[in-house]
Amino acid sequence: MPDEGRPAVPTESVPTEFLVRVKQSAQLRIGTARVAVMVAGPREGVPTARLLVRADDGRRAQSDVEVGQRVDLFDEGELELVGVEGGRDPKEKSAVLVRHLPHQP
């Protein structure tokens, strides 16, 4: 089990300059896409986050993502869920660590 306040997976292999920490109920903008963290925490013991992705042109998608999985950012590449912090009970604040993976040319 991860230490309190630490990511649910080790991030030593991921350069920290590519990681972004986003609190629950906050949004991250990447180009024309906005990503909202709706819920984050363990679900049946698995670190999970519910993300809502909205594009400026009106497209939207909601996904339940486990650590290591990715969501499509429409025209802006993908977003990988690297870690989940907190969220073990309803009153505990939570956040996610994510990494943007742009489209390859």
N, C-alpha and C. Protein backbone atom coordinates (compact mmCIF):
# COMPACT_ATOMS: atom_id res chain seq x y z
N MET A 1 0.85 -1.19 0.00
CA MET A 1 0.00 0.00 0.00
C MET A 1 0.89 1.24 0.00
N PRO A 2 0.58 2.26 -0.80
CA PRO A 2 1.43 3.44 -0.88
C PRO A 2 1.39 4.24 0.41
N ASP A 3 2.47 4.98 0.65
CA ASP A 3 2.52 5.87 1.80
C ASP A 3 1.51 6.99 1.63
N GLU A 4 1.07 7.54 2.74
CA GLU A 4 0.12 8.67 2.73
C GLU A 4 0.69 9.82 1.89
N GLY A 5 -0.09 10.32 0.98
CA GLY A 5 0.32 11.47 0.18
C GLY A 5 1.29 11.14 -0.94
N ARG A 6 1.55 9.87 -1.18
CA ARG A 6 2.47 9.47 -2.23
C ARG A 6 1.69 8.85 -3.38
N PRO A 7 2.23 8.89 -4.60
CA PRO A 7 1.54 8.26 -5.72
C PRO A 7 1.34 6.78 -5.49
N ALA A 8 0.33 6.21 -6.11
CA ALA A 8 0.02 4.80 -5.95
C ALA A 8 0.99 3.92 -6.72
N VAL A 9 1.77 4.50 -7.62
CA VAL A 9 2.78 3.73 -8.35
C VAL A 9 4.08 4.52 -8.29
N PRO A 10 5.22 3.82 -8.37
CA PRO A 10 6.48 4.56 -8.38
C PRO A 10 6.60 5.38 -9.65
N THR A 11 7.14 6.57 -9.52
CA THR A 11 7.28 7.45 -10.69
C THR A 11 8.75 7.71 -11.01
N GLU A 12 9.65 6.91 -10.42
CA GLU A 12 11.08 7.14 -10.64
C GLU A 12 11.44 7.07 -12.11
N SER A 13 10.75 6.23 -12.88
CA SER A 13 11.09 6.08 -14.30
C SER A 13 10.48 7.17 -15.17
N VAL A 14 9.64 8.01 -14.61
CA VAL A 14 8.99 9.08 -15.37
C VAL A 14 9.64 10.41 -14.99
N PRO A 15 10.27 11.11 -15.95
CA PRO A 15 10.87 12.40 -15.61
C PRO A 15 9.82 13.34 -15.00
N THR A 16 10.16 13.95 -13.86
CA THR A 16 9.18 14.77 -13.15
C THR A 16 8.75 16.00 -13.94
N GLU A 17 9.56 16.47 -14.87
CA GLU A 17 9.15 17.65 -15.64
C GLU A 17 7.97 17.36 -16.56
N PHE A 18 7.66 16.09 -16.78
CA PHE A 18 6.54 15.73 -17.63
C PHE A 18 5.28 15.39 -16.84
N LEU A 19 5.37 15.37 -15.51
CA LEU A 19 4.22 15.04 -14.68
C LEU A 19 3.51 16.30 -14.23
N VAL A 20 2.20 16.23 -14.20
CA VAL A 20 1.38 17.34 -13.70
C VAL A 20 0.46 16.78 -12.63
N ARG A 21 0.39 17.47 -11.50
CA ARG A 21 -0.50 17.07 -10.41
C ARG A 21 -1.77 17.90 -10.53
N VAL A 22 -2.92 17.23 -10.56
CA VAL A 22 -4.21 17.90 -10.70
C VAL A 22 -5.10 17.45 -9.55
N LYS A 23 -5.59 18.41 -8.77
CA LYS A 23 -6.47 18.08 -7.64
C LYS A 23 -7.86 17.69 -8.13
N GLN A 24 -8.53 16.88 -7.32
CA GLN A 24 -9.92 16.53 -7.62
C GLN A 24 -10.73 17.81 -7.72
N SER A 25 -11.63 17.87 -8.67
CA SER A 25 -12.50 19.01 -8.98
C SER A 25 -11.79 20.12 -9.74
N ALA A 26 -10.52 19.93 -10.07
CA ALA A 26 -9.78 20.93 -10.85
C ALA A 26 -9.74 20.50 -12.31
N GLN A 27 -9.31 21.43 -13.17
CA GLN A 27 -9.20 21.16 -14.61
C GLN A 27 -7.80 21.46 -15.09
N LEU A 28 -7.42 20.74 -16.12
CA LEU A 28 -6.15 20.95 -16.79
C LEU A 28 -6.45 21.23 -18.25
N ARG A 29 -5.84 22.27 -18.82
CA ARG A 29 -6.03 22.57 -20.24
C ARG A 29 -4.78 22.17 -20.99
N ILE A 30 -5.00 21.41 -22.07
CA ILE A 30 -3.93 21.02 -22.98
C ILE A 30 -4.41 21.36 -24.38
N GLY A 31 -3.89 22.43 -24.93
CA GLY A 31 -4.33 22.88 -26.25
C GLY A 31 -5.81 23.18 -26.25
N THR A 32 -6.56 22.48 -27.09
CA THR A 32 -8.01 22.71 -27.20
C THR A 32 -8.82 21.77 -26.32
N ALA A 33 -8.13 20.99 -25.48
CA ALA A 33 -8.83 20.03 -24.61
C ALA A 33 -8.73 20.46 -23.15
N ARG A 34 -9.81 20.23 -22.42
CA ARG A 34 -9.82 20.44 -20.97
C ARG A 34 -10.10 19.11 -20.32
N VAL A 35 -9.36 18.81 -19.25
CA VAL A 35 -9.53 17.55 -18.53
C VAL A 35 -9.91 17.89 -17.09
N ALA A 36 -11.06 17.41 -16.66
CA ALA A 36 -11.52 17.62 -15.29
C ALA A 36 -11.36 16.31 -14.52
N VAL A 37 -10.85 16.43 -13.29
CA VAL A 37 -10.74 15.27 -12.41
C VAL A 37 -11.99 15.26 -11.54
N MET A 38 -12.89 14.34 -11.84
CA MET A 38 -14.16 14.28 -11.13
C MET A 38 -14.04 13.53 -9.81
N VAL A 39 -13.41 12.37 -9.83
CA VAL A 39 -13.23 11.53 -8.64
C VAL A 39 -11.88 10.85 -8.78
N ALA A 40 -11.16 10.71 -7.67
CA ALA A 40 -9.89 9.98 -7.69
C ALA A 40 -9.72 9.24 -6.37
N GLY A 41 -9.27 8.01 -6.46
CA GLY A 41 -9.02 7.21 -5.26
C GLY A 41 -9.11 5.75 -5.60
N PRO A 42 -8.85 4.90 -4.61
CA PRO A 42 -8.92 3.47 -4.88
C PRO A 42 -10.35 3.00 -5.11
N ARG A 43 -10.53 2.18 -6.11
CA ARG A 43 -11.83 1.54 -6.38
C ARG A 43 -11.55 0.04 -6.38
N GLU A 44 -12.14 -0.65 -5.42
CA GLU A 44 -11.88 -2.08 -5.23
C GLU A 44 -10.38 -2.34 -5.13
N GLY A 45 -9.67 -1.43 -4.43
CA GLY A 45 -8.24 -1.57 -4.21
C GLY A 45 -7.35 -1.12 -5.35
N VAL A 46 -7.94 -0.66 -6.45
CA VAL A 46 -7.16 -0.25 -7.62
C VAL A 46 -7.20 1.27 -7.73
N PRO A 47 -6.03 1.95 -7.80
CA PRO A 47 -6.01 3.40 -7.97
C PRO A 47 -6.69 3.79 -9.28
N THR A 48 -7.75 4.60 -9.17
CA THR A 48 -8.59 4.92 -10.32
C THR A 48 -8.97 6.39 -10.29
N ALA A 49 -9.20 6.96 -11.46
CA ALA A 49 -9.70 8.33 -11.56
C ALA A 49 -10.80 8.39 -12.61
N ARG A 50 -11.82 9.18 -12.35
CA ARG A 50 -12.86 9.45 -13.35
C ARG A 50 -12.51 10.81 -13.95
N LEU A 51 -12.23 10.81 -15.24
CA LEU A 51 -11.82 12.01 -15.95
C LEU A 51 -12.87 12.39 -16.98
N LEU A 52 -13.13 13.68 -17.09
CA LEU A 52 -14.01 14.21 -18.11
C LEU A 52 -13.17 15.04 -19.06
N VAL A 53 -13.14 14.64 -20.33
CA VAL A 53 -12.37 15.35 -21.36
C VAL A 53 -13.35 16.10 -22.24
N ARG A 54 -13.11 17.41 -22.39
CA ARG A 54 -13.96 18.25 -23.25
C ARG A 54 -13.09 19.02 -24.23
N ALA A 55 -13.49 19.00 -25.48
CA ALA A 55 -12.79 19.77 -26.50
C ALA A 55 -13.54 21.08 -26.72
N ASP A 56 -12.82 22.07 -27.19
CA ASP A 56 -13.44 23.38 -27.44
C ASP A 56 -14.56 23.31 -28.48
N ASP A 57 -14.52 22.29 -29.37
CA ASP A 57 -15.56 22.18 -30.39
C ASP A 57 -16.81 21.44 -29.90
N GLY A 58 -16.85 21.08 -28.60
CA GLY A 58 -18.03 20.46 -28.03
C GLY A 58 -17.94 18.96 -27.80
N ARG A 59 -16.93 18.31 -28.35
CA ARG A 59 -16.78 16.88 -28.09
C ARG A 59 -16.46 16.66 -26.62
N ARG A 60 -16.94 15.55 -26.08
CA ARG A 60 -16.68 15.25 -24.67
C ARG A 60 -16.70 13.74 -24.46
N ALA A 61 -15.95 13.31 -23.47
CA ALA A 61 -15.90 11.88 -23.12
C ALA A 61 -15.57 11.76 -21.65
N GLN A 62 -16.23 10.81 -21.00
CA GLN A 62 -15.96 10.53 -19.59
C GLN A 62 -15.36 9.14 -19.51
N SER A 63 -14.29 8.98 -18.72
CA SER A 63 -13.62 7.69 -18.62
C SER A 63 -13.21 7.41 -17.18
N ASP A 64 -13.37 6.15 -16.77
CA ASP A 64 -12.78 5.67 -15.53
C ASP A 64 -11.45 5.03 -15.91
N VAL A 65 -10.36 5.57 -15.38
CA VAL A 65 -9.03 5.19 -15.81
C VAL A 65 -8.24 4.66 -14.62
N GLU A 66 -7.57 3.53 -14.81
CA GLU A 66 -6.68 2.98 -13.80
C GLU A 66 -5.26 3.46 -14.09
N VAL A 67 -4.42 3.47 -13.06
CA VAL A 67 -3.03 3.89 -13.23
C VAL A 67 -2.39 3.07 -14.35
N GLY A 68 -1.71 3.78 -15.24
CA GLY A 68 -1.06 3.15 -16.39
C GLY A 68 -1.89 3.22 -17.66
N GLN A 69 -3.18 3.51 -17.53
CA GLN A 69 -4.04 3.62 -18.71
C GLN A 69 -4.02 5.05 -19.25
N ARG A 70 -4.51 5.20 -20.47
CA ARG A 70 -4.52 6.50 -21.15
C ARG A 70 -5.92 6.86 -21.60
N VAL A 71 -6.16 8.17 -21.73
CA VAL A 71 -7.40 8.68 -22.32
C VAL A 71 -7.04 9.52 -23.53
N ASP A 72 -7.93 9.50 -24.51
CA ASP A 72 -7.76 10.26 -25.74
C ASP A 72 -8.13 11.72 -25.49
N LEU A 73 -7.28 12.63 -25.94
CA LEU A 73 -7.54 14.07 -25.82
C LEU A 73 -7.98 14.65 -27.16
N PHE A 74 -8.66 13.85 -27.94
CA PHE A 74 -9.14 14.24 -29.27
C PHE A 74 -7.96 14.67 -30.13
N ASP A 75 -7.81 15.92 -30.48
CA ASP A 75 -6.74 16.36 -31.38
C ASP A 75 -5.43 16.68 -30.66
N GLU A 76 -5.36 16.43 -29.36
CA GLU A 76 -4.20 16.85 -28.57
C GLU A 76 -3.36 15.70 -28.04
N GLY A 77 -3.56 14.49 -28.56
CA GLY A 77 -2.78 13.34 -28.11
C GLY A 77 -3.51 12.54 -27.05
N GLU A 78 -2.75 12.06 -26.06
CA GLU A 78 -3.33 11.24 -25.00
C GLU A 78 -2.83 11.74 -23.65
N LEU A 79 -3.54 11.34 -22.60
CA LEU A 79 -3.15 11.66 -21.24
C LEU A 79 -3.05 10.34 -20.48
N GLU A 80 -1.89 10.09 -19.87
CA GLU A 80 -1.66 8.86 -19.12
C GLU A 80 -1.82 9.15 -17.63
N LEU A 81 -2.57 8.29 -16.94
CA LEU A 81 -2.70 8.39 -15.50
C LEU A 81 -1.49 7.70 -14.88
N VAL A 82 -0.65 8.47 -14.20
CA VAL A 82 0.59 7.96 -13.64
C VAL A 82 0.43 7.59 -12.16
N GLY A 83 -0.40 8.32 -11.43
CA GLY A 83 -0.58 8.04 -10.01
C GLY A 83 -1.85 8.66 -9.47
N VAL A 84 -2.30 8.14 -8.34
CA VAL A 84 -3.46 8.66 -7.63
C VAL A 84 -3.05 8.87 -6.19
N GLU A 85 -3.34 10.05 -5.66
CA GLU A 85 -3.02 10.38 -4.27
C GLU A 85 -4.31 10.56 -3.49
N GLY A 86 -4.35 10.00 -2.30
CA GLY A 86 -5.50 10.21 -1.41
C GLY A 86 -6.75 9.52 -1.91
N GLY A 87 -7.91 10.07 -1.45
CA GLY A 87 -9.20 9.56 -1.87
C GLY A 87 -9.60 8.25 -1.22
N ARG A 88 -8.98 7.94 -0.07
CA ARG A 88 -9.31 6.66 0.58
C ARG A 88 -10.64 6.70 1.32
N ASP A 89 -11.11 7.89 1.67
CA ASP A 89 -12.45 8.04 2.24
C ASP A 89 -13.05 9.32 1.68
N PRO A 90 -14.37 9.49 1.78
CA PRO A 90 -15.04 10.62 1.12
C PRO A 90 -14.54 12.01 1.53
N LYS A 91 -14.00 12.15 2.74
CA LYS A 91 -13.55 13.47 3.19
C LYS A 91 -12.08 13.75 2.86
N GLU A 92 -11.34 12.73 2.44
CA GLU A 92 -9.93 12.91 2.14
C GLU A 92 -9.74 13.54 0.76
N LYS A 93 -8.95 14.59 0.71
CA LYS A 93 -8.67 15.25 -0.56
C LYS A 93 -7.84 14.32 -1.43
N SER A 94 -8.07 14.40 -2.73
CA SER A 94 -7.33 13.54 -3.65
C SER A 94 -6.80 14.36 -4.82
N ALA A 95 -5.87 13.74 -5.53
CA ALA A 95 -5.27 14.35 -6.71
C ALA A 95 -4.75 13.23 -7.60
N VAL A 96 -4.45 13.58 -8.83
CA VAL A 96 -3.86 12.62 -9.76
C VAL A 96 -2.56 13.19 -10.31
N LEU A 97 -1.68 12.29 -10.73
CA LEU A 97 -0.49 12.65 -11.48
C LEU A 97 -0.71 12.15 -12.89
N VAL A 98 -0.55 13.04 -13.86
CA VAL A 98 -0.78 12.68 -15.26
C VAL A 98 0.39 13.12 -16.11
N ARG A 99 0.48 12.51 -17.27
CA ARG A 99 1.52 12.87 -18.24
C ARG A 99 0.88 13.00 -19.61
N HIS A 100 1.14 14.13 -20.29
CA HIS A 100 0.62 14.36 -21.64
C HIS A 100 1.53 13.68 -22.64
N LEU A 101 0.90 12.94 -23.55
CA LEU A 101 1.62 12.27 -24.63
C LEU A 101 1.10 12.82 -25.95
N PRO A 102 1.82 13.80 -26.53
CA PRO A 102 1.34 14.41 -27.77
C PRO A 102 1.36 13.41 -28.92
N HIS A 103 0.58 13.72 -29.96
CA HIS A 103 0.61 12.90 -31.17
C HIS A 103 2.01 12.89 -31.73
N GLN A 104 2.41 11.74 -32.24
CA GLN A 104 3.71 11.63 -32.90
C GLN A 104 3.56 12.06 -34.35
N PRO A 105 4.49 12.86 -34.87
CA PRO A 105 4.39 13.32 -36.27
C PRO A 105 4.57 12.19 -37.27
